[in-house]
Structure formats: C-alpha cells, structure tokens
Amino acid sequence: MAPATEAPAAVAEGSTQHVPNQLLDRLEDLLQRLTAADAELYTREERIAALHKLREPFAPQEVRYRPQPWCKKCSQAQGWPKVCEHHHEIKCQRCGGQKITDAHICLKYIGHAEATNRLLNVDPFWNWEPLSLDQLGLPQYDGNRGMWIRLTVCGVTRIGYGDATGKDGANAVKEIIGDAIRNAGMRFGMALNLWTSSDLEILEPGVPLAPELAAELGRTNDAPAIKSAPQPVAQETGGQADFDRIVGQLPRSWESAVALKQIKADAEKHHVFDRKAQGPDGTWMPLRTLVTVRIAELQQAAQERNAAA
C-alpha cells in the first residue's frame, strides 16, 4: 500500500482586516465587563452618597477664571487682543493677567487637574473611554475634531463631549480629553453651578435668591455693573422701586437670554421699559434698547455655536 500523503496546510489569502476588528470587539467586551464588575462594588446607598459628593462646591482656590467678551464688536475686531473702538485693552488680573477688552465678564471654571482630583476622591476606580475607536484602536474623532466619551463613576456611566477649538497637535488632544471629562462630569452635577449659574438663579422676576441657593451657586459680583438713571421726583415712587429692582437683576442675568426675556416682560408689565439705564460700557440708553440688543447678541451667538457644531 502506498504511504498516505498529507495534504498541505491551507494558506490564508486575501485581506485580514477582520483581525483588528476582532481585537476591538474583544476590547469593548472587556471594558463592558469591567464596568459591570465595578457597578457591583457599590450598594445603591453608597453610590448615591458618593455621587452626591461630586456636586459639592469647589473651594475658591480651585476655581479659575477666563474672560468672556460681551461686546459683539470686540469679538469681531481684528488683531489681538480683540478690542473695538468703543472699549479699551486691559490686563485682567482675575483672568490670569490676560490682555482683553474691558467689555468682558470673568467666567468661572475648573481645570482638568481639579476635576481629576474630585473624581479620584469620589471613586478611585473611575474611568473614561472614547465612545468609538478607529481602525488603529485609537479614539475616534468626529467631523468637528471633537470626541464623545463615556465617563464611569461608581458604576454609573454617562456621556460627554470635548473639543479644543482653535488648537492642534498634542496640546489639542490633551485639551479634548480634559474638556470631555469636565463635560461628562457636569452630567453628574460636578461644578454644575459654574456652568449654569445665570439660568438657575432667575426663578421668577423680582424674587430674591434664598441664602442657601445663593451659597450653592457661589454668586459674586462678577457681572457687569448696570445702573438706573435718576428719575424726577414727580414720578411715582412705586414705579421707581420696580425699575430699581429690575435693573438690579440685570447683572446676574446678562449671560442668559431666557432670564433677560423674563426681565423684559417684568419691565413692560410695570411700564418702566423705556426708562434709561447705564450699560456695562457706561453708556446711558433706554432699558428697552439695552435688553433687546443683548438678547439679540446672545441668540446670534447661540446660532453660531449650533452652526459650528
């Protein structure tokens, strides 16, 4: 009998693109298992107590400031710093000595290090991961050079988004990650008062903030000063009181179109909308003009952000 001849081993031919795809699938499955295991480490009560700590206000020394111009003409000016002909260049010490137009407000925010420290204090096993990976197994960016992530804290996962507008290279990558973590952390309530203080405090026109809410929001006199013009004595004292109250609400409502619309309705109701007030740039003008122009600026800025998204 002739000896049996073994058939040669089959050699795979063609593309092997399925290999990295299989690795990505295994990696995603592993991350899901780790997340599920992490969730089992906490009881519901422990998870609630830990996540509540994320919402605690940051210490004053942990809060940073960045300038946000409120003047549309300054924002559109050529060169740097951007300053229009109606305003002046200053060096804002609160915003780290940056050269900026005097027509700006100082916005509070927390840095990446402060956010990371808070997450570690709440959950030493917290984790973030990109929402999707590319063919090389690296985080996948969208068409706006931004990145969606999953942030998991105490077994709870929420979505966040980060970008680094105007930057590129390695610094942009780090800023995108930090921005995404802070954004996702906000979904847990971390530094939420710094994100939405303008909207949260205007509950109803004319209603002052409760001391506890004011403390939680960390409200300070950072907003631009807006003054009411002295009125003739012959005018009704009640109307002047309403006008002073409404003008007093403007500084803390300056960055919220919703709050300004409420103020507009309140001013029209009390027939004081045509009285003059001093704007942030020192110019006296009818309250109607001051509020209407500011609402239009905020709405246009929102439309521009939506168009760029």
C-alpha atoms as a PDB file:
ATOM      1  CA  MET A   1       0.000   0.000   0.000  1.00  0.00           C
ATOM      2  CA  ALA A   2       1.330   3.363  -0.956  1.00  0.00           C
ATOM      3  CA  PRO A   3       2.125   5.602   2.015  1.00  0.00           C
ATOM      4  CA  ALA A   4      -0.512   8.240   2.734  1.00  0.00           C
ATOM      5  CA  THR A   5       0.370  11.726   1.672  1.00  0.00           C
ATOM      6  CA  GLU A   6      -0.671  14.579   3.935  1.00  0.00           C
ATOM      7  CA  ALA A   7      -2.416  17.449   2.251  1.00  0.00           C
ATOM      8  CA  PRO A   8      -0.578  20.732   2.542  1.00  0.00           C
ATOM      9  CA  ALA A   9      -1.960  23.102   5.124  1.00  0.00           C
ATOM     10  CA  ALA A  10      -4.214  25.693   3.649  1.00  0.00           C
ATOM     11  CA  VAL A  11      -2.671  29.128   3.486  1.00  0.00           C
ATOM     12  CA  ALA A  12      -4.951  32.076   4.162  1.00  0.00           C
ATOM     13  CA  GLU A  13      -5.027  34.521   1.322  1.00  0.00           C
ATOM     14  CA  GLY A  14      -6.514  37.923   0.829  1.00  0.00           C
ATOM     15  CA  SER A  15      -7.218  40.703   3.310  1.00  0.00           C
ATOM     16  CA  THR A  16      -7.038  40.142   7.068  1.00  0.00           C
ATOM     17  CA  GLN A  17      -8.827  43.352   8.087  1.00  0.00           C
ATOM     18  CA  HIS A  18     -11.130  41.285  10.290  1.00  0.00           C
ATOM     19  CA  VAL A  19      -8.282  40.705  12.774  1.00  0.00           C
ATOM     20  CA  PRO A  20      -8.104  44.248  14.177  1.00  0.00           C
ATOM     21  CA  ASN A  21     -11.899  44.376  14.181  1.00  0.00           C
ATOM     22  CA  GLN A  22     -11.974  41.248  16.329  1.00  0.00           C
ATOM     23  CA  LEU A  23      -9.466  42.812  18.701  1.00  0.00           C
ATOM     24  CA  LEU A  24     -11.604  45.943  19.007  1.00  0.00           C
ATOM     25  CA  ASP A  25     -14.668  43.830  19.734  1.00  0.00           C
ATOM     26  CA  ARG A  26     -12.800  41.931  22.442  1.00  0.00           C
ATOM     27  CA  LEU A  27     -11.522  45.188  23.946  1.00  0.00           C
ATOM     28  CA  GLU A  28     -15.026  46.659  24.042  1.00  0.00           C
ATOM     29  CA  ASP A  29     -16.372  43.461  25.632  1.00  0.00           C
ATOM     30  CA  LEU A  30     -13.627  43.610  28.268  1.00  0.00           C
ATOM     31  CA  LEU A  31     -14.439  47.241  29.093  1.00  0.00           C
ATOM     32  CA  GLN A  32     -18.116  46.384  29.476  1.00  0.00           C
ATOM     33  CA  ARG A  33     -17.266  43.535  31.846  1.00  0.00           C
ATOM     34  CA  LEU A  34     -15.037  45.809  33.918  1.00  0.00           C
ATOM     35  CA  THR A  35     -17.793  48.404  34.106  1.00  0.00           C
ATOM     36  CA  ALA A  36     -20.312  45.782  35.202  1.00  0.00           C
ATOM     37  CA  ALA A  37     -17.914  44.458  37.840  1.00  0.00           C
ATOM     38  CA  ASP A  38     -17.289  47.993  39.092  1.00  0.00           C
ATOM     39  CA  ALA A  39     -21.032  48.567  39.481  1.00  0.00           C
ATOM     40  CA  GLU A  40     -21.301  45.551  41.765  1.00  0.00           C
ATOM     41  CA  LEU A  41     -18.773  47.065  44.197  1.00  0.00           C
ATOM     42  CA  TYR A  42     -21.296  49.651  45.420  1.00  0.00           C
ATOM     43  CA  THR A  43     -24.692  49.389  47.052  1.00  0.00           C
ATOM     44  CA  ARG A  44     -27.334  51.816  45.875  1.00  0.00           C
ATOM     45  CA  GLU A  45     -26.963  53.896  49.058  1.00  0.00           C
ATOM     46  CA  GLU A  46     -23.178  54.020  48.750  1.00  0.00           C
ATOM     47  CA  ARG A  47     -23.442  55.043  45.110  1.00  0.00           C
ATOM     48  CA  ILE A  48     -25.872  57.871  45.882  1.00  0.00           C
ATOM     49  CA  ALA A  49     -23.750  59.130  48.778  1.00  0.00           C
ATOM     50  CA  ALA A  50     -20.565  59.079  46.674  1.00  0.00           C
ATOM     51  CA  LEU A  51     -22.127  60.752  43.643  1.00  0.00           C
ATOM     52  CA  HIS A  52     -23.594  63.452  45.880  1.00  0.00           C
ATOM     53  CA  LYS A  53     -20.025  64.445  46.742  1.00  0.00           C
ATOM     54  CA  LEU A  54     -19.432  65.287  43.082  1.00  0.00           C
ATOM     55  CA  ARG A  55     -21.937  68.125  43.447  1.00  0.00           C
ATOM     56  CA  GLU A  56     -20.208  69.745  46.396  1.00  0.00           C
ATOM     57  CA  PRO A  57     -18.952  73.260  45.570  1.00  0.00           C
ATOM     58  CA  PHE A  58     -15.266  73.577  44.753  1.00  0.00           C
ATOM     59  CA  ALA A  59     -13.054  75.541  47.099  1.00  0.00           C
ATOM     60  CA  PRO A  60     -12.395  79.142  45.994  1.00  0.00           C
ATOM     61  CA  GLN A  61      -8.721  78.371  45.345  1.00  0.00           C
ATOM     62  CA  GLU A  62      -9.747  75.578  42.926  1.00  0.00           C
ATOM     63  CA  VAL A  63     -11.890  77.861  40.762  1.00  0.00           C
ATOM     64  CA  ARG A  64     -10.239  79.586  37.810  1.00  0.00           C
ATOM     65  CA  TYR A  65     -11.406  82.453  35.605  1.00  0.00           C
ATOM     66  CA  ARG A  66     -11.393  83.042  31.874  1.00  0.00           C
ATOM     67  CA  PRO A  67     -12.522  86.198  30.067  1.00  0.00           C
ATOM     68  CA  GLN A  68     -15.733  86.195  28.015  1.00  0.00           C
ATOM     69  CA  PRO A  69     -16.272  89.399  25.962  1.00  0.00           C
ATOM     70  CA  TRP A  70     -19.874  90.581  25.960  1.00  0.00           C
ATOM     71  CA  CYS A  71     -19.330  93.239  23.279  1.00  0.00           C
ATOM     72  CA  LYS A  72     -20.073  91.845  19.815  1.00  0.00           C
ATOM     73  CA  LYS A  73     -17.864  94.425  18.095  1.00  0.00           C
ATOM     74  CA  CYS A  74     -14.908  93.499  20.285  1.00  0.00           C
ATOM     75  CA  SER A  75     -15.386  89.813  19.451  1.00  0.00           C
ATOM     76  CA  GLN A  76     -15.322  90.635  15.733  1.00  0.00           C
ATOM     77  CA  ALA A  77     -12.354  93.048  15.899  1.00  0.00           C
ATOM     78  CA  GLN A  78      -9.163  92.249  14.007  1.00  0.00           C
ATOM     79  CA  GLY A  79      -5.845  91.524  15.723  1.00  0.00           C
ATOM     80  CA  TRP A  80      -5.168  90.518  19.283  1.00  0.00           C
ATOM     81  CA  PRO A  81      -6.407  91.317  21.808  1.00  0.00           C
ATOM     82  CA  LYS A  82      -9.768  91.958  20.158  1.00  0.00           C
ATOM     83  CA  VAL A  83     -10.895  95.446  21.175  1.00  0.00           C
ATOM     84  CA  CYS A  84     -13.336  97.677  19.313  1.00  0.00           C
ATOM     85  CA  GLU A  85     -13.163 101.466  19.081  1.00  0.00           C
ATOM     86  CA  HIS A  86     -15.629 101.898  21.957  1.00  0.00           C
ATOM     87  CA  HIS A  87     -13.617  99.964  24.547  1.00  0.00           C
ATOM     88  CA  HIS A  88     -10.102  99.692  25.936  1.00  0.00           C
ATOM     89  CA  GLU A  89      -7.486  96.991  26.352  1.00  0.00           C
ATOM     90  CA  ILE A  90      -6.810  95.968  29.921  1.00  0.00           C
ATOM     91  CA  LYS A  91      -4.834  93.270  31.715  1.00  0.00           C
ATOM     92  CA  CYS A  92      -7.361  91.305  33.767  1.00  0.00           C
ATOM     93  CA  GLN A  93      -5.667  90.084  36.938  1.00  0.00           C
ATOM     94  CA  ARG A  94      -8.566  87.802  37.838  1.00  0.00           C
ATOM     95  CA  CYS A  95      -8.227  86.023  34.473  1.00  0.00           C
ATOM     96  CA  GLY A  96      -4.516  85.337  34.959  1.00  0.00           C
ATOM     97  CA  GLY A  97      -3.269  88.661  33.623  1.00  0.00           C
ATOM     98  CA  GLN A  98      -4.650  88.131  30.136  1.00  0.00           C
ATOM     99  CA  LYS A  99      -4.868  91.128  27.831  1.00  0.00           C
ATOM    100  CA  ILE A 100      -8.529  91.549  26.956  1.00  0.00           C
ATOM    101  CA  THR A 101     -11.165  94.162  26.250  1.00  0.00           C
ATOM    102  CA  ASP A 102     -12.678  95.856  29.285  1.00  0.00           C
ATOM    103  CA  ALA A 103     -16.076  94.822  27.859  1.00  0.00           C
ATOM    104  CA  HIS A 104     -15.879  91.311  29.299  1.00  0.00           C
ATOM    105  CA  ILE A 105     -17.010  89.267  32.254  1.00  0.00           C
ATOM    106  CA  CYS A 106     -14.893  86.772  34.182  1.00  0.00           C
ATOM    107  CA  LEU A 107     -16.361  83.281  33.825  1.00  0.00           C
ATOM    108  CA  LYS A 108     -15.601  80.692  36.473  1.00  0.00           C
ATOM    109  CA  TYR A 109     -14.431  77.195  35.553  1.00  0.00           C
ATOM    110  CA  ILE A 110     -12.431  74.297  36.961  1.00  0.00           C
ATOM    111  CA  GLY A 111      -9.301  72.901  35.366  1.00  0.00           C
ATOM    112  CA  HIS A 112      -8.524  69.320  34.373  1.00  0.00           C
ATOM    113  CA  ALA A 113      -6.398  68.716  37.492  1.00  0.00           C
ATOM    114  CA  GLU A 114      -9.173  69.883  39.821  1.00  0.00           C
ATOM    115  CA  ALA A 115     -11.741  67.740  38.014  1.00  0.00           C
ATOM    116  CA  THR A 116      -9.473  64.676  38.177  1.00  0.00           C
ATOM    117  CA  ASN A 117      -8.808  65.213  41.870  1.00  0.00           C
ATOM    118  CA  ARG A 118     -12.536  65.410  42.616  1.00  0.00           C
ATOM    119  CA  LEU A 119     -13.227  62.211  40.650  1.00  0.00           C
ATOM    120  CA  LEU A 120     -10.444  60.357  42.467  1.00  0.00           C
ATOM    121  CA  ASN A 121     -11.766  61.491  45.848  1.00  0.00           C
ATOM    122  CA  VAL A 122     -15.240  60.228  44.983  1.00  0.00           C
ATOM    123  CA  ASP A 123     -14.236  56.993  43.210  1.00  0.00           C
ATOM    124  CA  PRO A 124     -10.593  55.863  42.960  1.00  0.00           C
ATOM    125  CA  PHE A 125     -11.670  53.421  40.223  1.00  0.00           C
ATOM    126  CA  TRP A 126     -13.390  55.964  37.972  1.00  0.00           C
ATOM    127  CA  ASN A 127     -12.752  55.530  34.277  1.00  0.00           C
ATOM    128  CA  TRP A 128     -13.348  57.166  30.929  1.00  0.00           C
ATOM    129  CA  GLU A 129     -13.311  55.668  27.456  1.00  0.00           C
ATOM    130  CA  PRO A 130     -13.937  57.018  23.956  1.00  0.00           C
ATOM    131  CA  LEU A 131     -17.382  56.293  22.590  1.00  0.00           C
ATOM    132  CA  SER A 132     -15.783  54.749  19.483  1.00  0.00           C
ATOM    133  CA  LEU A 133     -12.345  53.696  18.232  1.00  0.00           C
ATOM    134  CA  ASP A 134     -10.754  53.963  14.809  1.00  0.00           C
ATOM    135  CA  GLN A 135      -9.097  51.128  12.879  1.00  0.00           C
ATOM    136  CA  LEU A 136      -5.866  51.614  14.827  1.00  0.00           C
ATOM    137  CA  GLY A 137      -7.639  51.253  18.140  1.00  0.00           C
ATOM    138  CA  LEU A 138      -7.277  54.970  18.941  1.00  0.00           C
ATOM    139  CA  PRO A 139     -10.092  57.327  19.988  1.00  0.00           C
ATOM    140  CA  GLN A 140     -12.340  58.278  17.088  1.00  0.00           C
ATOM    141  CA  TYR A 141     -12.874  61.997  16.470  1.00  0.00           C
ATOM    142  CA  ASP A 142     -15.945  63.437  14.776  1.00  0.00           C
ATOM    143  CA  GLY A 143     -16.103  65.889  11.882  1.00  0.00           C
ATOM    144  CA  ASN A 144     -15.564  68.827  14.253  1.00  0.00           C
ATOM    145  CA  ARG A 145     -12.359  67.352  15.705  1.00  0.00           C
ATOM    146  CA  GLY A 146     -14.254  66.656  18.903  1.00  0.00           C
ATOM    147  CA  MET A 147     -14.615  63.409  20.828  1.00  0.00           C
ATOM    148  CA  TRP A 148     -17.523  61.694  22.575  1.00  0.00           C
ATOM    149  CA  ILE A 149     -16.662  59.720  25.710  1.00  0.00           C
ATOM    150  CA  ARG A 150     -18.214  57.530  28.379  1.00  0.00           C
ATOM    151  CA  LEU A 151     -17.411  58.572  31.940  1.00  0.00           C
ATOM    152  CA  THR A 152     -18.000  55.922  34.605  1.00  0.00           C
ATOM    153  CA  VAL A 153     -18.121  56.897  38.282  1.00  0.00           C
ATOM    154  CA  CYS A 154     -19.241  54.459  40.990  1.00  0.00           C
ATOM    155  CA  GLY A 155     -20.555  52.116  38.321  1.00  0.00           C
ATOM    156  CA  VAL A 156     -22.716  54.808  36.686  1.00  0.00           C
ATOM    157  CA  THR A 157     -21.874  55.756  33.080  1.00  0.00           C
ATOM    158  CA  ARG A 158     -22.801  58.992  31.326  1.00  0.00           C
ATOM    159  CA  ILE A 159     -21.861  60.589  28.017  1.00  0.00           C
ATOM    160  CA  GLY A 160     -19.718  63.683  27.483  1.00  0.00           C
ATOM    161  CA  TYR A 161     -18.173  65.639  24.627  1.00  0.00           C
ATOM    162  CA  GLY A 162     -14.920  67.562  24.353  1.00  0.00           C
ATOM    163  CA  ASP A 163     -13.168  69.724  21.783  1.00  0.00           C
ATOM    164  CA  ALA A 164     -10.222  72.107  21.514  1.00  0.00           C
ATOM    165  CA  THR A 165     -11.381  74.874  19.211  1.00  0.00           C
ATOM    166  CA  GLY A 166      -8.505  76.676  17.523  1.00  0.00           C
ATOM    167  CA  LYS A 167      -5.800  74.287  18.721  1.00  0.00           C
ATOM    168  CA  ASP A 168      -3.976  71.378  17.124  1.00  0.00           C
ATOM    169  CA  GLY A 169      -1.242  68.862  17.869  1.00  0.00           C
ATOM    170  CA  ALA A 170      -0.612  67.100  21.173  1.00  0.00           C
ATOM    171  CA  ASN A 171      -1.923  70.014  23.252  1.00  0.00           C
ATOM    172  CA  ALA A 172      -5.241  69.796  21.413  1.00  0.00           C
ATOM    173  CA  VAL A 173      -5.516  66.069  22.211  1.00  0.00           C
ATOM    174  CA  LYS A 174      -4.979  66.703  25.924  1.00  0.00           C
ATOM    175  CA  GLU A 175      -7.438  69.574  25.969  1.00  0.00           C
ATOM    176  CA  ILE A 176     -10.079  67.495  24.182  1.00  0.00           C
ATOM    177  CA  ILE A 177      -9.763  64.768  26.816  1.00  0.00           C
ATOM    178  CA  GLY A 178      -9.914  67.236  29.695  1.00  0.00           C
ATOM    179  CA  ASP A 179     -12.842  69.098  28.169  1.00  0.00           C
ATOM    180  CA  ALA A 180     -14.753  65.864  27.595  1.00  0.00           C
ATOM    181  CA  ILE A 181     -14.190  64.691  31.185  1.00  0.00           C
ATOM    182  CA  ARG A 182     -15.390  68.021  32.588  1.00  0.00           C
ATOM    183  CA  ASN A 183     -18.400  67.968  30.264  1.00  0.00           C
ATOM    184  CA  ALA A 184     -19.345  64.433  31.253  1.00  0.00           C
ATOM    185  CA  GLY A 185     -18.702  65.288  34.907  1.00  0.00           C
ATOM    186  CA  MET A 186     -21.248  68.080  34.599  1.00  0.00           C
ATOM    187  CA  ARG A 187     -23.831  65.375  33.766  1.00  0.00           C
ATOM    188  CA  PHE A 188     -23.172  64.058  37.270  1.00  0.00           C
ATOM    189  CA  GLY A 189     -23.551  67.570  38.712  1.00  0.00           C
ATOM    190  CA  MET A 190     -19.826  68.299  39.090  1.00  0.00           C
ATOM    191  CA  ALA A 191     -19.304  72.085  39.031  1.00  0.00           C
ATOM    192  CA  LEU A 192     -22.844  72.453  37.730  1.00  0.00           C
ATOM    193  CA  ASN A 193     -23.218  75.804  39.495  1.00  0.00           C
ATOM    194  CA  LEU A 194     -20.322  77.175  37.416  1.00  0.00           C
ATOM    195  CA  TRP A 195     -21.936  76.028  34.155  1.00  0.00           C
ATOM    196  CA  THR A 196     -25.474  77.337  34.643  1.00  0.00           C
ATOM    197  CA  SER A 197     -25.489  79.886  37.466  1.00  0.00           C
ATOM    198  CA  SER A 198     -27.069  82.542  35.239  1.00  0.00           C
ATOM    199  CA  ASP A 199     -30.041  80.336  34.364  1.00  0.00           C
ATOM    200  CA  LEU A 200     -30.515  78.720  37.746  1.00  0.00           C
ATOM    201  CA  GLU A 201     -30.882  81.878  39.790  1.00  0.00           C
ATOM    202  CA  ILE A 202     -33.648  83.564  37.790  1.00  0.00           C
ATOM    203  CA  LEU A 203     -36.575  81.534  39.079  1.00  0.00           C
ATOM    204  CA  GLU A 204     -39.114  84.348  38.816  1.00  0.00           C
ATOM    205  CA  PRO A 205     -38.648  88.083  38.126  1.00  0.00           C
ATOM    206  CA  GLY A 206     -38.448  90.044  41.337  1.00  0.00           C
ATOM    207  CA  VAL A 207     -37.930  87.065  43.632  1.00  0.00           C
ATOM    208  CA  PRO A 208     -34.606  87.304  45.533  1.00  0.00           C
ATOM    209  CA  LEU A 209     -32.375  84.275  45.918  1.00  0.00           C
ATOM    210  CA  ALA A 210     -32.656  82.225  49.057  1.00  0.00           C
ATOM    211  CA  PRO A 211     -29.418  82.354  51.111  1.00  0.00           C
ATOM    212  CA  GLU A 212     -28.880  78.592  50.664  1.00  0.00           C
ATOM    213  CA  LEU A 213     -29.265  78.807  46.870  1.00  0.00           C
ATOM    214  CA  ALA A 214     -27.003  81.842  46.685  1.00  0.00           C
ATOM    215  CA  ALA A 215     -24.352  79.953  48.656  1.00  0.00           C
ATOM    216  CA  GLU A 216     -24.695  76.873  46.437  1.00  0.00           C
ATOM    217  CA  LEU A 217     -24.360  78.963  43.288  1.00  0.00           C
ATOM    218  CA  GLY A 218     -21.318  80.752  44.688  1.00  0.00           C
ATOM    219  CA  ARG A 219     -22.798  84.048  43.477  1.00  0.00           C
ATOM    220  CA  THR A 220     -20.397  87.002  43.488  1.00  0.00           C
ATOM    221  CA  ASN A 221     -20.478  90.446  41.914  1.00  0.00           C
ATOM    222  CA  ASP A 222     -18.571  89.357  38.813  1.00  0.00           C
ATOM    223  CA  ALA A 223     -21.227  90.519  36.345  1.00  0.00           C
ATOM    224  CA  PRO A 224     -21.022  93.938  34.658  1.00  0.00           C
ATOM    225  CA  ALA A 225     -22.389  96.853  36.649  1.00  0.00           C
ATOM    226  CA  ILE A 226     -25.667  98.281  35.344  1.00  0.00           C
ATOM    227  CA  LYS A 227     -27.160 101.385  36.958  1.00  0.00           C
ATOM    228  CA  SER A 228     -30.541 103.074  36.708  1.00  0.00           C
ATOM    229  CA  ALA A 229     -30.808 106.720  35.813  1.00  0.00           C
ATOM    230  CA  PRO A 230     -32.117 109.119  38.486  1.00  0.00           C
ATOM    231  CA  GLN A 231     -35.789 109.869  37.834  1.00  0.00           C
ATOM    232  CA  PRO A 232     -37.661 113.131  38.502  1.00  0.00           C
ATOM    233  CA  VAL A 233     -39.277 113.324  41.925  1.00  0.00           C
ATOM    234  CA  ALA A 234     -42.663 113.845  40.265  1.00  0.00           C
ATOM    235  CA  GLN A 235     -42.740 110.256  39.053  1.00  0.00           C
ATOM    236  CA  GLU A 236     -44.446 107.571  41.107  1.00  0.00           C
ATOM    237  CA  THR A 237     -42.258 106.110  43.835  1.00  0.00           C
ATOM    238  CA  GLY A 238     -43.695 102.652  43.171  1.00  0.00           C
ATOM    239  CA  GLY A 239     -42.556 102.804  39.539  1.00  0.00           C
ATOM    240  CA  GLN A 240     -39.049 103.830  40.589  1.00  0.00           C
ATOM    241  CA  ALA A 241     -38.881 100.961  43.070  1.00  0.00           C
ATOM    242  CA  ASP A 242     -39.875  98.482  40.360  1.00  0.00           C
ATOM    243  CA  PHE A 243     -37.349  99.989  37.971  1.00  0.00           C
ATOM    244  CA  ASP A 244     -34.500  99.798  40.511  1.00  0.00           C
ATOM    245  CA  ARG A 245     -35.405  96.190  41.297  1.00  0.00           C
ATOM    246  CA  ILE A 246     -35.429  95.196  37.625  1.00  0.00           C
ATOM    247  CA  VAL A 247     -32.149  96.960  36.874  1.00  0.00           C
ATOM    248  CA  GLY A 248     -30.623  95.211  39.879  1.00  0.00           C
ATOM    249  CA  GLN A 249     -31.438  91.853  38.271  1.00  0.00           C
ATOM    250  CA  LEU A 250     -29.652  92.655  35.001  1.00  0.00           C
ATOM    251  CA  PRO A 251     -26.014  91.942  36.029  1.00  0.00           C
ATOM    252  CA  ARG A 252     -26.710  88.364  37.113  1.00  0.00           C
ATOM    253  CA  SER A 253     -28.913  87.793  34.045  1.00  0.00           C
ATOM    254  CA  TRP A 254     -26.505  89.231  31.474  1.00  0.00           C
ATOM    255  CA  GLU A 255     -25.450  85.856  30.008  1.00  0.00           C
ATOM    256  CA  SER A 256     -28.939  84.295  29.821  1.00  0.00           C
ATOM    257  CA  ALA A 257     -31.373  85.194  27.033  1.00  0.00           C
ATOM    258  CA  VAL A 258     -34.141  83.347  28.907  1.00  0.00           C
ATOM    259  CA  ALA A 259     -33.603  85.420  32.056  1.00  0.00           C
ATOM    260  CA  LEU A 260     -33.437  88.666  30.056  1.00  0.00           C
ATOM    261  CA  LYS A 261     -36.763  87.848  28.377  1.00  0.00           C
ATOM    262  CA  GLN A 262     -38.283  87.433  31.824  1.00  0.00           C
ATOM    263  CA  ILE A 263     -36.885  90.811  32.826  1.00  0.00           C
ATOM    264  CA  LYS A 264     -38.292  92.317  29.625  1.00  0.00           C
ATOM    265  CA  ALA A 265     -41.774  91.044  30.446  1.00  0.00           C
ATOM    266  CA  ASP A 266     -41.475  92.327  34.014  1.00  0.00           C
ATOM    267  CA  ALA A 267     -40.377  95.787  32.842  1.00  0.00           C
ATOM    268  CA  GLU A 268     -43.221  96.025  30.339  1.00  0.00           C
ATOM    269  CA  LYS A 269     -45.702  94.927  32.998  1.00  0.00           C
ATOM    270  CA  HIS A 270     -44.636  97.766  35.314  1.00  0.00           C
ATOM    271  CA  HIS A 271     -44.301 100.326  32.466  1.00  0.00           C
ATOM    272  CA  VAL A 272     -40.612 101.086  33.126  1.00  0.00           C
ATOM    273  CA  PHE A 273     -39.117  99.568  29.964  1.00  0.00           C
ATOM    274  CA  ASP A 274     -38.447 102.979  28.367  1.00  0.00           C
ATOM    275  CA  ARG A 275     -36.551 104.475  31.294  1.00  0.00           C
ATOM    276  CA  LYS A 276     -32.825 104.929  30.879  1.00  0.00           C
ATOM    277  CA  ALA A 277     -30.193 102.682  32.437  1.00  0.00           C
ATOM    278  CA  GLN A 278     -26.405 102.701  32.283  1.00  0.00           C
ATOM    279  CA  GLY A 279     -24.995  99.746  30.379  1.00  0.00           C
ATOM    280  CA  PRO A 280     -21.781  97.829  31.168  1.00  0.00           C
ATOM    281  CA  ASP A 281     -19.818 100.182  28.884  1.00  0.00           C
ATOM    282  CA  GLY A 282     -21.021 103.253  30.782  1.00  0.00           C
ATOM    283  CA  THR A 283     -23.466 104.416  28.089  1.00  0.00           C
ATOM    284  CA  TRP A 284     -26.925 105.571  29.147  1.00  0.00           C
ATOM    285  CA  MET A 285     -29.739 104.217  26.996  1.00  0.00           C
ATOM    286  CA  PRO A 286     -33.368 103.109  27.302  1.00  0.00           C
ATOM    287  CA  LEU A 287     -33.735  99.848  29.172  1.00  0.00           C
ATOM    288  CA  ARG A 288     -35.674  98.540  26.164  1.00  0.00           C
ATOM    289  CA  THR A 289     -32.657  99.069  23.901  1.00  0.00           C
ATOM    290  CA  LEU A 290     -30.182  97.657  26.404  1.00  0.00           C
ATOM    291  CA  VAL A 291     -32.118  94.421  26.964  1.00  0.00           C
ATOM    292  CA  THR A 292     -33.306  93.899  23.380  1.00  0.00           C
ATOM    293  CA  VAL A 293     -29.821  94.312  21.903  1.00  0.00           C
ATOM    294  CA  ARG A 294     -28.303  91.961  24.483  1.00  0.00           C
ATOM    295  CA  ILE A 295     -30.942  89.271  23.817  1.00  0.00           C
ATOM    296  CA  ALA A 296     -30.214  89.520  20.079  1.00  0.00           C
ATOM    297  CA  GLU A 297     -26.463  89.148  20.739  1.00  0.00           C
ATOM    298  CA  LEU A 298     -26.977  86.033  22.864  1.00  0.00           C
ATOM    299  CA  GLN A 299     -29.339  84.459  20.334  1.00  0.00           C
ATOM    300  CA  GLN A 300     -26.923  85.109  17.470  1.00  0.00           C
ATOM    301  CA  ALA A 301     -24.041  83.632  19.472  1.00  0.00           C
ATOM    302  CA  ALA A 302     -26.152  80.526  20.162  1.00  0.00           C
ATOM    303  CA  GLN A 303     -26.983  80.184  16.457  1.00  0.00           C
ATOM    304  CA  GLU A 304     -23.308  80.459  15.547  1.00  0.00           C
ATOM    305  CA  ARG A 305     -22.388  77.756  18.062  1.00  0.00           C
ATOM    306  CA  ASN A 306     -25.112  75.473  16.729  1.00  0.00           C
ATOM    307  CA  ALA A 307     -23.985  76.046  13.141  1.00  0.00           C
ATOM    308  CA  ALA A 308     -20.397  75.174  14.073  1.00  0.00           C
ATOM    309  CA  ALA A 309     -21.450  72.009  15.935  1.00  0.00           C
END
